[in-house]
Amino acid sequence: MKYMLMMFGDSSTMMEDHDTQWVRDMIQFMESFNQEVNASGEWVFAEGLADPTTAKTLSLSGGQVVVTDGPFAEAKESLAGFWIWDVKDEARAIELASKILPWAQRVELREVPAGPPEV
């Protein structure tokens, strides 16, 4: 079963809320966590994302594509990075996701289905 874990946070206040050592410890944790998941054979893909101020939001208005700067949501918290794992079941995905919580404001876990739903 594939699962996607999305990590949310506020990159603009991270350095205000945490000291430099916390940031170094978080980066070290992420590197060792990624090595652990890779070694277990459950790693599929993971990436951190650029600051949301670099984002573009696309929508349709009157049949025309409209591009605006920044993320759609007006929240301070935004998607900071993600992992995709191939694990035996939801319990294992939750176990892995729980290890991220000390380092993220919030995480979201979703199953990645093998295909579209049958209709």
PDB file of N, CA and C in Angstrom:
ATOM      1  N   MET A   1       0.840  -1.180   0.000  1.00  0.00           N
ATOM      2  CA  MET A   1       0.000   0.000   0.000  1.00  0.00           C
ATOM      3  C   MET A   1       0.881   1.237   0.000  1.00  0.00           C
ATOM      4  N   LYS A   2       0.569   2.156  -0.864  1.00  0.00           N
ATOM      5  CA  LYS A   2       1.331   3.396  -0.896  1.00  0.00           C
ATOM      6  C   LYS A   2       0.600   4.476  -0.108  1.00  0.00           C
ATOM      7  N   TYR A   3       1.384   5.239   0.623  1.00  0.00           N
ATOM      8  CA  TYR A   3       0.866   6.363   1.392  1.00  0.00           C
ATOM      9  C   TYR A   3       1.729   7.583   1.135  1.00  0.00           C
ATOM     10  N   MET A   4       1.073   8.743   1.159  1.00  0.00           N
ATOM     11  CA  MET A   4       1.783  10.010   1.065  1.00  0.00           C
ATOM     12  C   MET A   4       1.638  10.716   2.401  1.00  0.00           C
ATOM     13  N   LEU A   5       2.769  11.121   2.955  1.00  0.00           N
ATOM     14  CA  LEU A   5       2.765  11.918   4.174  1.00  0.00           C
ATOM     15  C   LEU A   5       3.146  13.339   3.786  1.00  0.00           C
ATOM     16  N   MET A   6       2.301  14.283   4.136  1.00  0.00           N
ATOM     17  CA  MET A   6       2.567  15.690   3.848  1.00  0.00           C
ATOM     18  C   MET A   6       2.865  16.403   5.157  1.00  0.00           C
ATOM     19  N   MET A   7       3.948  17.146   5.187  1.00  0.00           N
ATOM     20  CA  MET A   7       4.374  17.870   6.378  1.00  0.00           C
ATOM     21  C   MET A   7       4.081  19.351   6.179  1.00  0.00           C
ATOM     22  N   PHE A   8       3.373  19.942   7.136  1.00  0.00           N
ATOM     23  CA  PHE A   8       2.997  21.345   7.052  1.00  0.00           C
ATOM     24  C   PHE A   8       3.730  22.149   8.105  1.00  0.00           C
ATOM     25  N   GLY A   9       4.001  23.389   7.793  1.00  0.00           N
ATOM     26  CA  GLY A   9       4.663  24.269   8.739  1.00  0.00           C
ATOM     27  C   GLY A   9       4.682  25.685   8.215  1.00  0.00           C
ATOM     28  N   ASP A  10       5.264  26.572   8.997  1.00  0.00           N
ATOM     29  CA  ASP A  10       5.380  27.975   8.620  1.00  0.00           C
ATOM     30  C   ASP A  10       6.857  28.300   8.504  1.00  0.00           C
ATOM     31  N   SER A  11       7.369  28.242   7.280  1.00  0.00           N
ATOM     32  CA  SER A  11       8.805  28.452   7.089  1.00  0.00           C
ATOM     33  C   SER A  11       9.222  29.876   7.421  1.00  0.00           C
ATOM     34  N   SER A  12       8.302  30.822   7.305  1.00  0.00           N
ATOM     35  CA  SER A  12       8.691  32.212   7.569  1.00  0.00           C
ATOM     36  C   SER A  12       8.960  32.478   9.045  1.00  0.00           C
ATOM     37  N   THR A  13       8.365  31.696   9.934  1.00  0.00           N
ATOM     38  CA  THR A  13       8.595  31.915  11.372  1.00  0.00           C
ATOM     39  C   THR A  13       9.441  30.816  12.011  1.00  0.00           C
ATOM     40  N   MET A  14       9.894  29.837  11.225  1.00  0.00           N
ATOM     41  CA  MET A  14      10.649  28.724  11.804  1.00  0.00           C
ATOM     42  C   MET A  14      11.870  29.223  12.575  1.00  0.00           C
ATOM     43  N   MET A  15      12.618  30.145  11.997  1.00  0.00           N
ATOM     44  CA  MET A  15      13.819  30.634  12.667  1.00  0.00           C
ATOM     45  C   MET A  15      13.480  31.532  13.858  1.00  0.00           C
ATOM     46  N   GLU A  16      12.313  32.151  13.835  1.00  0.00           N
ATOM     47  CA  GLU A  16      11.884  32.951  14.979  1.00  0.00           C
ATOM     48  C   GLU A  16      11.450  32.061  16.137  1.00  0.00           C
ATOM     49  N   ASP A  17      10.806  30.938  15.811  1.00  0.00           N
ATOM     50  CA  ASP A  17      10.271  30.043  16.832  1.00  0.00           C
ATOM     51  C   ASP A  17      11.296  29.066  17.385  1.00  0.00           C
ATOM     52  N   HIS A  18      12.366  28.813  16.623  1.00  0.00           N
ATOM     53  CA  HIS A  18      13.355  27.802  17.014  1.00  0.00           C
ATOM     54  C   HIS A  18      14.757  28.356  16.815  1.00  0.00           C
ATOM     55  N   ASP A  19      15.670  27.896  17.662  1.00  0.00           N
ATOM     56  CA  ASP A  19      17.051  28.343  17.506  1.00  0.00           C
ATOM     57  C   ASP A  19      17.754  27.539  16.409  1.00  0.00           C
ATOM     58  N   THR A  20      18.928  27.986  16.040  1.00  0.00           N
ATOM     59  CA  THR A  20      19.693  27.374  14.957  1.00  0.00           C
ATOM     60  C   THR A  20      19.976  25.904  15.237  1.00  0.00           C
ATOM     61  N   GLN A  21      20.243  25.554  16.483  1.00  0.00           N
ATOM     62  CA  GLN A  21      20.533  24.157  16.810  1.00  0.00           C
ATOM     63  C   GLN A  21      19.317  23.273  16.558  1.00  0.00           C
ATOM     64  N   TRP A  22      18.116  23.767  16.861  1.00  0.00           N
ATOM     65  CA  TRP A  22      16.899  23.001  16.593  1.00  0.00           C
ATOM     66  C   TRP A  22      16.780  22.705  15.099  1.00  0.00           C
ATOM     67  N   VAL A  23      17.051  23.701  14.272  1.00  0.00           N
ATOM     68  CA  VAL A  23      16.975  23.521  12.818  1.00  0.00           C
ATOM     69  C   VAL A  23      18.006  22.485  12.371  1.00  0.00           C
ATOM     70  N   ARG A  24      19.230  22.572  12.889  1.00  0.00           N
ATOM     71  CA  ARG A  24      20.257  21.570  12.545  1.00  0.00           C
ATOM     72  C   ARG A  24      19.818  20.167  12.980  1.00  0.00           C
ATOM     73  N   ASP A  25      19.261  20.065  14.197  1.00  0.00           N
ATOM     74  CA  ASP A  25      18.794  18.765  14.693  1.00  0.00           C
ATOM     75  C   ASP A  25      17.664  18.218  13.823  1.00  0.00           C
ATOM     76  N   MET A  26      16.767  19.095  13.381  1.00  0.00           N
ATOM     77  CA  MET A  26      15.661  18.677  12.525  1.00  0.00           C
ATOM     78  C   MET A  26      16.187  18.149  11.203  1.00  0.00           C
ATOM     79  N   ILE A  27      17.142  18.843  10.610  1.00  0.00           N
ATOM     80  CA  ILE A  27      17.718  18.395   9.338  1.00  0.00           C
ATOM     81  C   ILE A  27      18.438  17.062   9.516  1.00  0.00           C
ATOM     82  N   GLN A  28      19.173  16.919  10.602  1.00  0.00           N
ATOM     83  CA  GLN A  28      19.858  15.652  10.882  1.00  0.00           C
ATOM     84  C   GLN A  28      18.846  14.520  11.068  1.00  0.00           C
ATOM     85  N   PHE A  29      17.753  14.797  11.788  1.00  0.00           N
ATOM     86  CA  PHE A  29      16.715  13.786  11.966  1.00  0.00           C
ATOM     87  C   PHE A  29      16.144  13.364  10.615  1.00  0.00           C
ATOM     88  N   MET A  30      15.810  14.337   9.771  1.00  0.00           N
ATOM     89  CA  MET A  30      15.216  14.026   8.468  1.00  0.00           C
ATOM     90  C   MET A  30      16.151  13.160   7.637  1.00  0.00           C
ATOM     91  N   GLU A  31      17.433  13.465   7.645  1.00  0.00           N
ATOM     92  CA  GLU A  31      18.396  12.671   6.882  1.00  0.00           C
ATOM     93  C   GLU A  31      18.471  11.238   7.403  1.00  0.00           C
ATOM     94  N   SER A  32      18.535  11.062   8.722  1.00  0.00           N
ATOM     95  CA  SER A  32      18.619   9.703   9.272  1.00  0.00           C
ATOM     96  C   SER A  32      17.291   8.958   9.122  1.00  0.00           C
ATOM     97  N   PHE A  33      16.171   9.668   9.255  1.00  0.00           N
ATOM     98  CA  PHE A  33      14.856   9.049   9.051  1.00  0.00           C
ATOM     99  C   PHE A  33      14.734   8.552   7.613  1.00  0.00           C
ATOM    100  N   ASN A  34      15.137   9.371   6.648  1.00  0.00           N
ATOM    101  CA  ASN A  34      15.077   8.964   5.245  1.00  0.00           C
ATOM    102  C   ASN A  34      15.946   7.738   4.986  1.00  0.00           C
ATOM    103  N   GLN A  35      17.127   7.685   5.603  1.00  0.00           N
ATOM    104  CA  GLN A  35      18.002   6.516   5.461  1.00  0.00           C
ATOM    105  C   GLN A  35      17.338   5.272   6.040  1.00  0.00           C
ATOM    106  N   GLU A  36      16.670   5.426   7.187  1.00  0.00           N
ATOM    107  CA  GLU A  36      15.975   4.298   7.837  1.00  0.00           C
ATOM    108  C   GLU A  36      14.869   3.746   6.944  1.00  0.00           C
ATOM    109  N   VAL A  37      14.046   4.625   6.380  1.00  0.00           N
ATOM    110  CA  VAL A  37      12.936   4.182   5.529  1.00  0.00           C
ATOM    111  C   VAL A  37      13.471   3.587   4.225  1.00  0.00           C
ATOM    112  N   ASN A  38      14.533   4.141   3.697  1.00  0.00           N
ATOM    113  CA  ASN A  38      15.153   3.589   2.497  1.00  0.00           C
ATOM    114  C   ASN A  38      15.697   2.190   2.773  1.00  0.00           C
ATOM    115  N   ALA A  39      16.355   2.018   3.907  1.00  0.00           N
ATOM    116  CA  ALA A  39      16.933   0.719   4.265  1.00  0.00           C
ATOM    117  C   ALA A  39      15.853  -0.345   4.472  1.00  0.00           C
ATOM    118  N   SER A  40      14.672   0.067   4.915  1.00  0.00           N
ATOM    119  CA  SER A  40      13.591  -0.890   5.143  1.00  0.00           C
ATOM    120  C   SER A  40      12.901  -1.303   3.844  1.00  0.00           C
ATOM    121  N   GLY A  41      13.232  -0.631   2.741  1.00  0.00           N
ATOM    122  CA  GLY A  41      12.618  -0.948   1.458  1.00  0.00           C
ATOM    123  C   GLY A  41      11.268  -0.276   1.247  1.00  0.00           C
ATOM    124  N   GLU A  42      10.888   0.636   2.136  1.00  0.00           N
ATOM    125  CA  GLU A  42       9.575   1.283   2.039  1.00  0.00           C
ATOM    126  C   GLU A  42       9.639   2.643   1.341  1.00  0.00           C
ATOM    127  N   TRP A  43      10.826   3.117   1.041  1.00  0.00           N
ATOM    128  CA  TRP A  43      11.032   4.428   0.418  1.00  0.00           C
ATOM    129  C   TRP A  43      10.556   4.402  -1.028  1.00  0.00           C
ATOM    130  N   VAL A  44       9.783   5.374  -1.424  1.00  0.00           N
ATOM    131  CA  VAL A  44       9.436   5.580  -2.827  1.00  0.00           C
ATOM    132  C   VAL A  44      10.010   6.911  -3.295  1.00  0.00           C
ATOM    133  N   PHE A  45       9.662   8.002  -2.578  1.00  0.00           N
ATOM    134  CA  PHE A  45      10.091   9.323  -3.009  1.00  0.00           C
ATOM    135  C   PHE A  45       9.830  10.314  -1.885  1.00  0.00           C
ATOM    136  N   ALA A  46      10.656  11.341  -1.787  1.00  0.00           N
ATOM    137  CA  ALA A  46      10.425  12.420  -0.817  1.00  0.00           C
ATOM    138  C   ALA A  46      11.135  13.674  -1.294  1.00  0.00           C
ATOM    139  N   GLU A  47      10.573  14.813  -0.940  1.00  0.00           N
ATOM    140  CA  GLU A  47      11.192  16.093  -1.267  1.00  0.00           C
ATOM    141  C   GLU A  47      10.708  17.152  -0.295  1.00  0.00           C
ATOM    142  N   GLY A  48      11.570  18.112  -0.034  1.00  0.00           N
ATOM    143  CA  GLY A  48      11.156  19.333   0.625  1.00  0.00           C
ATOM    144  C   GLY A  48      10.746  20.311  -0.457  1.00  0.00           C
ATOM    145  N   LEU A  49       9.946  21.288  -0.100  1.00  0.00           N
ATOM    146  CA  LEU A  49       9.458  22.254  -1.076  1.00  0.00           C
ATOM    147  C   LEU A  49      10.005  23.636  -0.792  1.00  0.00           C
ATOM    148  N   ALA A  50      10.108  24.444  -1.843  1.00  0.00           N
ATOM    149  CA  ALA A  50      10.554  25.826  -1.705  1.00  0.00           C
ATOM    150  C   ALA A  50       9.517  26.609  -0.896  1.00  0.00           C
ATOM    151  N   ASP A  51       9.943  27.737  -0.382  1.00  0.00           N
ATOM    152  CA  ASP A  51       9.065  28.608   0.386  1.00  0.00           C
ATOM    153  C   ASP A  51       7.802  28.910  -0.421  1.00  0.00           C
ATOM    154  N   PRO A  52       6.631  28.946   0.214  1.00  0.00           N
ATOM    155  CA  PRO A  52       5.382  29.156  -0.528  1.00  0.00           C
ATOM    156  C   PRO A  52       5.299  30.499  -1.241  1.00  0.00           C
ATOM    157  N   THR A  53       6.166  31.443  -0.903  1.00  0.00           N
ATOM    158  CA  THR A  53       6.133  32.720  -1.620  1.00  0.00           C
ATOM    159  C   THR A  53       6.553  32.548  -3.080  1.00  0.00           C
ATOM    160  N   THR A  54       7.170  31.400  -3.412  1.00  0.00           N
ATOM    161  CA  THR A  54       7.556  31.136  -4.797  1.00  0.00           C
ATOM    162  C   THR A  54       6.458  30.412  -5.571  1.00  0.00           C
ATOM    163  N   ALA A  55       5.357  30.070  -4.896  1.00  0.00           N
ATOM    164  CA  ALA A  55       4.279  29.289  -5.515  1.00  0.00           C
ATOM    165  C   ALA A  55       3.449  30.130  -6.473  1.00  0.00           C
ATOM    166  N   LYS A  56       2.828  29.453  -7.388  1.00  0.00           N
ATOM    167  CA  LYS A  56       1.841  30.041  -8.293  1.00  0.00           C
ATOM    168  C   LYS A  56       0.559  29.228  -8.138  1.00  0.00           C
ATOM    169  N   THR A  57      -0.573  29.903  -8.136  1.00  0.00           N
ATOM    170  CA  THR A  57      -1.865  29.241  -8.095  1.00  0.00           C
ATOM    171  C   THR A  57      -2.553  29.478  -9.430  1.00  0.00           C
ATOM    172  N   LEU A  58      -3.040  28.408 -10.039  1.00  0.00           N
ATOM    173  CA  LEU A  58      -3.729  28.504 -11.320  1.00  0.00           C
ATOM    174  C   LEU A  58      -5.195  28.172 -11.128  1.00  0.00           C
ATOM    175  N   SER A  59      -6.050  28.941 -11.783  1.00  0.00           N
ATOM    176  CA  SER A  59      -7.491  28.686 -11.732  1.00  0.00           C
ATOM    177  C   SER A  59      -8.091  29.058 -13.078  1.00  0.00           C
ATOM    178  N   LEU A  60      -9.343  28.670 -13.262  1.00  0.00           N
ATOM    179  CA  LEU A  60     -10.063  29.034 -14.477  1.00  0.00           C
ATOM    180  C   LEU A  60     -11.070  30.117 -14.134  1.00  0.00           C
ATOM    181  N   SER A  61     -11.125  31.132 -14.972  1.00  0.00           N
ATOM    182  CA  SER A  61     -12.106  32.200 -14.808  1.00  0.00           C
ATOM    183  C   SER A  61     -12.590  32.587 -16.196  1.00  0.00           C
ATOM    184  N   GLY A  62     -13.866  32.347 -16.455  1.00  0.00           N
ATOM    185  CA  GLY A  62     -14.416  32.648 -17.767  1.00  0.00           C
ATOM    186  C   GLY A  62     -13.738  31.885 -18.885  1.00  0.00           C
ATOM    187  N   GLY A  63     -13.309  30.669 -18.599  1.00  0.00           N
ATOM    188  CA  GLY A  63     -12.646  29.840 -19.593  1.00  0.00           C
ATOM    189  C   GLY A  63     -11.184  30.178 -19.816  1.00  0.00           C
ATOM    190  N   GLN A  64     -10.661  31.141 -19.073  1.00  0.00           N
ATOM    191  CA  GLN A  64      -9.260  31.547 -19.200  1.00  0.00           C
ATOM    192  C   GLN A  64      -8.472  31.105 -17.972  1.00  0.00           C
ATOM    193  N   VAL A  65      -7.231  30.716 -18.201  1.00  0.00           N
ATOM    194  CA  VAL A  65      -6.351  30.353 -17.096  1.00  0.00           C
ATOM    195  C   VAL A  65      -5.849  31.636 -16.433  1.00  0.00           C
ATOM    196  N   VAL A  66      -6.003  31.703 -15.121  1.00  0.00           N
ATOM    197  CA  VAL A  66      -5.545  32.846 -14.347  1.00  0.00           C
ATOM    198  C   VAL A  66      -4.431  32.366 -13.427  1.00  0.00           C
ATOM    199  N   VAL A  67      -3.287  33.029 -13.478  1.00  0.00           N
ATOM    200  CA  VAL A  67      -2.136  32.674 -12.648  1.00  0.00           C
ATOM    201  C   VAL A  67      -1.933  33.793 -11.631  1.00  0.00           C
ATOM    202  N   THR A  68      -1.891  33.402 -10.336  1.00  0.00           N
ATOM    203  CA  THR A  68      -1.631  34.380  -9.279  1.00  0.00           C
ATOM    204  C   THR A  68      -0.435  33.923  -8.466  1.00  0.00           C
ATOM    205  N   ASP A  69       0.216  34.870  -7.826  1.00  0.00           N
ATOM    206  CA  ASP A  69       1.374  34.556  -6.990  1.00  0.00           C
ATOM    207  C   ASP A  69       0.930  33.970  -5.666  1.00  0.00           C
ATOM    208  N   GLY A  70       1.729  33.033  -5.171  1.00  0.00           N
ATOM    209  CA  GLY A  70       1.535  32.483  -3.839  1.00  0.00           C
ATOM    210  C   GLY A  70       0.526  31.355  -3.790  1.00  0.00           C
ATOM    211  N   PRO A  71       0.468  30.713  -2.631  1.00  0.00           N
ATOM    212  CA  PRO A  71      -0.489  29.612  -2.444  1.00  0.00           C
ATOM    213  C   PRO A  71      -1.903  30.162  -2.340  1.00  0.00           C
ATOM    214  N   PHE A  72      -2.871  29.319  -2.632  1.00  0.00           N
ATOM    215  CA  PHE A  72      -4.283  29.723  -2.597  1.00  0.00           C
ATOM    216  C   PHE A  72      -4.725  30.069  -1.181  1.00  0.00           C
ATOM    217  N   ALA A  73      -4.359  29.234  -0.231  1.00  0.00           N
ATOM    218  CA  ALA A  73      -4.795  29.442   1.151  1.00  0.00           C
ATOM    219  C   ALA A  73      -4.108  30.671   1.743  1.00  0.00           C
ATOM    220  N   GLU A  74      -4.823  31.379   2.565  1.00  0.00           N
ATOM    221  CA  GLU A  74      -4.274  32.554   3.234  1.00  0.00           C
ATOM    222  C   GLU A  74      -3.702  32.190   4.608  1.00  0.00           C
ATOM    223  N   ALA A  75      -3.412  30.935   4.821  1.00  0.00           N
ATOM    224  CA  ALA A  75      -2.887  30.474   6.107  1.00  0.00           C
ATOM    225  C   ALA A  75      -1.371  30.646   6.148  1.00  0.00           C
ATOM    226  N   LYS A  76      -0.827  30.827   7.344  1.00  0.00           N
ATOM    227  CA  LYS A  76       0.627  30.895   7.499  1.00  0.00           C
ATOM    228  C   LYS A  76       1.244  29.518   7.270  1.00  0.00           C
ATOM    229  N   GLU A  77       0.523  28.500   7.659  1.00  0.00           N
ATOM    230  CA  GLU A  77       1.003  27.130   7.548  1.00  0.00           C
ATOM    231  C   GLU A  77       0.817  26.647   6.119  1.00  0.00           C
ATOM    232  N   SER A  78       1.850  26.034   5.543  1.00  0.00           N
ATOM    233  CA  SER A  78       1.745  25.530   4.178  1.00  0.00           C
ATOM    234  C   SER A  78       2.500  24.213   4.054  1.00  0.00           C
ATOM    235  N   LEU A  79       2.315  23.548   2.930  1.00  0.00           N
ATOM    236  CA  LEU A  79       2.989  22.287   2.666  1.00  0.00           C
ATOM    237  C   LEU A  79       4.487  22.538   2.555  1.00  0.00           C
ATOM    238  N   ALA A  80       5.261  21.892   3.415  1.00  0.00           N
ATOM    239  CA  ALA A  80       6.707  22.104   3.467  1.00  0.00           C
ATOM    240  C   ALA A  80       7.483  20.985   2.777  1.00  0.00           C
ATOM    241  N   GLY A  81       6.919  19.786   2.739  1.00  0.00           N
ATOM    242  CA  GLY A  81       7.587  18.659   2.116  1.00  0.00           C
ATOM    243  C   GLY A  81       6.695  17.436   2.172  1.00  0.00           C
ATOM    244  N   PHE A  82       7.149  16.366   1.518  1.00  0.00           N
ATOM    245  CA  PHE A  82       6.328  15.162   1.483  1.00  0.00           C
ATOM    246  C   PHE A  82       7.183  13.923   1.302  1.00  0.00           C
ATOM    247  N   TRP A  83       6.611  12.797   1.682  1.00  0.00           N
ATOM    248  CA  TRP A  83       7.194  11.478   1.463  1.00  0.00           C
ATOM    249  C   TRP A  83       6.142  10.613   0.793  1.00  0.00           C
ATOM    250  N   ILE A  84       6.575   9.675  -0.022  1.00  0.00           N
ATOM    251  CA  ILE A  84       5.701   8.620  -0.507  1.00  0.00           C
ATOM    252  C   ILE A  84       6.366   7.311  -0.110  1.00  0.00           C
ATOM    253  N   TRP A  85       5.614   6.496   0.606  1.00  0.00           N
ATOM    254  CA  TRP A  85       6.107   5.215   1.093  1.00  0.00           C
ATOM    255  C   TRP A  85       5.269   4.090   0.518  1.00  0.00           C
ATOM    256  N   ASP A  86       5.869   2.924   0.397  1.00  0.00           N
ATOM    257  CA  ASP A  86       5.159   1.716   0.022  1.00  0.00           C
ATOM    258  C   ASP A  86       5.290   0.774   1.207  1.00  0.00           C
ATOM    259  N   VAL A  87       4.242   0.701   2.011  1.00  0.00           N
ATOM    260  CA  VAL A  87       4.278  -0.030   3.279  1.00  0.00           C
ATOM    261  C   VAL A  87       3.247  -1.150   3.279  1.00  0.00           C
ATOM    262  N   LYS A  88       3.347  -2.043   4.267  1.00  0.00           N
ATOM    263  CA  LYS A  88       2.454  -3.201   4.284  1.00  0.00           C
ATOM    264  C   LYS A  88       1.021  -2.838   4.637  1.00  0.00           C
ATOM    265  N   ASP A  89       0.826  -1.786   5.454  1.00  0.00           N
ATOM    266  CA  ASP A  89      -0.533  -1.432   5.846  1.00  0.00           C
ATOM    267  C   ASP A  89      -0.576  -0.027   6.460  1.00  0.00           C
ATOM    268  N   GLU A  90      -1.780   0.427   6.766  1.00  0.00           N
ATOM    269  CA  GLU A  90      -1.966   1.762   7.320  1.00  0.00           C
ATOM    270  C   GLU A  90      -1.272   1.917   8.676  1.00  0.00           C
ATOM    271  N   ALA A  91      -1.257   0.871   9.461  1.00  0.00           N
ATOM    272  CA  ALA A  91      -0.611   0.943  10.779  1.00  0.00           C
ATOM    273  C   ALA A  91       0.869   1.306  10.644  1.00  0.00           C
ATOM    274  N   ARG A  92       1.543   0.731   9.665  1.00  0.00           N
ATOM    275  CA  ARG A  92       2.956   1.045   9.450  1.00  0.00           C
ATOM    276  C   ARG A  92       3.106   2.494   8.974  1.00  0.00           C
ATOM    277  N   ALA A  93       2.218   2.952   8.113  1.00  0.00           N
ATOM    278  CA  ALA A  93       2.276   4.339   7.648  1.00  0.00           C
ATOM    279  C   ALA A  93       2.098   5.296   8.821  1.00  0.00           C
ATOM    280  N   ILE A  94       1.187   4.987   9.723  1.00  0.00           N
ATOM    281  CA  ILE A  94       0.971   5.822  10.906  1.00  0.00           C
ATOM    282  C   ILE A  94       2.192   5.789  11.808  1.00  0.00           C
ATOM    283  N   GLU A  95       2.795   4.612  11.949  1.00  0.00           N
ATOM    284  CA  GLU A  95       4.018   4.496  12.762  1.00  0.00           C
ATOM    285  C   GLU A  95       5.127   5.407  12.217  1.00  0.00           C
ATOM    286  N   LEU A  96       5.344   5.367  10.906  1.00  0.00           N
ATOM    287  CA  LEU A  96       6.366   6.228  10.304  1.00  0.00           C
ATOM    288  C   LEU A  96       5.996   7.703  10.437  1.00  0.00           C
ATOM    289  N   ALA A  97       4.744   8.034  10.167  1.00  0.00           N
ATOM    290  CA  ALA A  97       4.302   9.428  10.230  1.00  0.00           C
ATOM    291  C   ALA A  97       4.453  10.009  11.628  1.00  0.00           C
ATOM    292  N   SER A  98       4.232   9.206  12.641  1.00  0.00           N
ATOM    293  CA  SER A  98       4.321   9.703  14.021  1.00  0.00           C
ATOM    294  C   SER A  98       5.740  10.132  14.381  1.00  0.00           C
ATOM    295  N   LYS A  99       6.734   9.601  13.682  1.00  0.00           N
ATOM    296  CA  LYS A  99       8.118   9.989  13.955  1.00  0.00           C
ATOM    297  C   LYS A  99       8.423  11.414  13.490  1.00  0.00           C
ATOM    298  N   ILE A 100       7.631  11.930  12.579  1.00  0.00           N
ATOM    299  CA  ILE A 100       7.842  13.270  12.032  1.00  0.00           C
ATOM    300  C   ILE A 100       7.278  14.349  12.957  1.00  0.00           C
ATOM    301  N   LEU A 101       6.268  14.001  13.749  1.00  0.00           N
ATOM    302  CA  LEU A 101       5.537  15.013  14.512  1.00  0.00           C
ATOM    303  C   LEU A 101       6.380  15.920  15.395  1.00  0.00           C
ATOM    304  N   PRO A 102       7.426  15.465  16.034  1.00  0.00           N
ATOM    305  CA  PRO A 102       8.208  16.429  16.829  1.00  0.00           C
ATOM    306  C   PRO A 102       8.824  17.542  15.994  1.00  0.00           C
ATOM    307  N   TRP A 103       8.905  17.350  14.691  1.00  0.00           N
ATOM    308  CA  TRP A 103       9.597  18.296  13.814  1.00  0.00           C
ATOM    309  C   TRP A 103       8.647  19.070  12.903  1.00  0.00           C
ATOM    310  N   ALA A 104       7.368  18.803  12.954  1.00  0.00           N
ATOM    311  CA  ALA A 104       6.409  19.464  12.070  1.00  0.00           C
ATOM    312  C   ALA A 104       5.248  20.010  12.882  1.00  0.00           C
ATOM    313  N   GLN A 105       4.655  21.083  12.406  1.00  0.00           N
ATOM    314  CA  GLN A 105       3.478  21.608  13.074  1.00  0.00           C
ATOM    315  C   GLN A 105       2.294  20.676  12.888  1.00  0.00           C
ATOM    316  N   ARG A 106       2.217  20.063  11.710  1.00  0.00           N
ATOM    317  CA  ARG A 106       1.103  19.172  11.397  1.00  0.00           C
ATOM    318  C   ARG A 106       1.516  18.289  10.246  1.00  0.00           C
ATOM    319  N   VAL A 107       1.030  17.058  10.240  1.00  0.00           N
ATOM    320  CA  VAL A 107       1.236  16.169   9.105  1.00  0.00           C
ATOM    321  C   VAL A 107      -0.115  15.614   8.667  1.00  0.00           C
ATOM    322  N   GLU A 108      -0.187  15.249   7.407  1.00  0.00           N
ATOM    323  CA  GLU A 108      -1.396  14.626   6.868  1.00  0.00           C
ATOM    324  C   GLU A 108      -0.967  13.378   6.127  1.00  0.00           C
ATOM    325  N   LEU A 109      -1.680  12.294   6.346  1.00  0.00           N
ATOM    326  CA  LEU A 109      -1.360  11.003   5.742  1.00  0.00           C
ATOM    327  C   LEU A 109      -2.513  10.602   4.834  1.00  0.00           C
ATOM    328  N   ARG A 110      -2.192  10.252   3.585  1.00  0.00           N
ATOM    329  CA  ARG A 110      -3.226   9.809   2.649  1.00  0.00           C
ATOM    330  C   ARG A 110      -2.744   8.595   1.888  1.00  0.00           C
ATOM    331  N   GLU A 111      -3.663   7.659   1.648  1.00  0.00           N
ATOM    332  CA  GLU A 111      -3.352   6.518   0.812  1.00  0.00           C
ATOM    333  C   GLU A 111      -3.245   6.984  -0.636  1.00  0.00           C
ATOM    334  N   VAL A 112      -2.298   6.398  -1.367  1.00  0.00           N
ATOM    335  CA  VAL A 112      -2.146   6.652  -2.793  1.00  0.00           C
ATOM    336  C   VAL A 112      -2.689   5.403  -3.510  1.00  0.00           C
ATOM    337  N   PRO A 113      -3.889   5.491  -4.061  1.00  0.00           N
ATOM    338  CA  PRO A 113      -4.476   4.297  -4.677  1.00  0.00           C
ATOM    339  C   PRO A 113      -3.727   3.907  -5.954  1.00  0.00           C
ATOM    340  N   ALA A 114      -3.858   2.641  -6.326  1.00  0.00           N
ATOM    341  CA  ALA A 114      -3.187   2.121  -7.521  1.00  0.00           C
ATOM    342  C   ALA A 114      -3.801   2.673  -8.805  1.00  0.00           C
ATOM    343  N   GLY A 115      -5.009   3.200  -8.717  1.00  0.00           N
ATOM    344  CA  GLY A 115      -5.674   3.734  -9.904  1.00  0.00           C
ATOM    345  C   GLY A 115      -6.928   4.475  -9.498  1.00  0.00           C
ATOM    346  N   PRO A 116      -7.672   4.957 -10.486  1.00  0.00           N
ATOM    347  CA  PRO A 116      -8.888   5.691 -10.173  1.00  0.00           C
ATOM    348  C   PRO A 116      -9.946   4.755  -9.593  1.00  0.00           C
ATOM    349  N   PRO A 117     -10.925   5.309  -8.882  1.00  0.00           N
ATOM    350  CA  PRO A 117     -11.979   4.457  -8.339  1.00  0.00           C
ATOM    351  C   PRO A 117     -12.830   3.873  -9.479  1.00  0.00           C
ATOM    352  N   GLU A 118     -13.353   2.702  -9.238  1.00  0.00           N
ATOM    353  CA  GLU A 118     -14.227   2.076 -10.232  1.00  0.00           C
ATOM    354  C   GLU A 118     -15.581   2.767 -10.177  1.00  0.00           C
ATOM    355  N   VAL A 119     -16.146   2.997 -11.343  1.00  0.00           N
ATOM    356  CA  VAL A 119     -17.465   3.640 -11.398  1.00  0.00           C
ATOM    357  C   VAL A 119     -18.476   2.766 -12.078  1.00  0.00           C
TER     358      VAL A 119
END
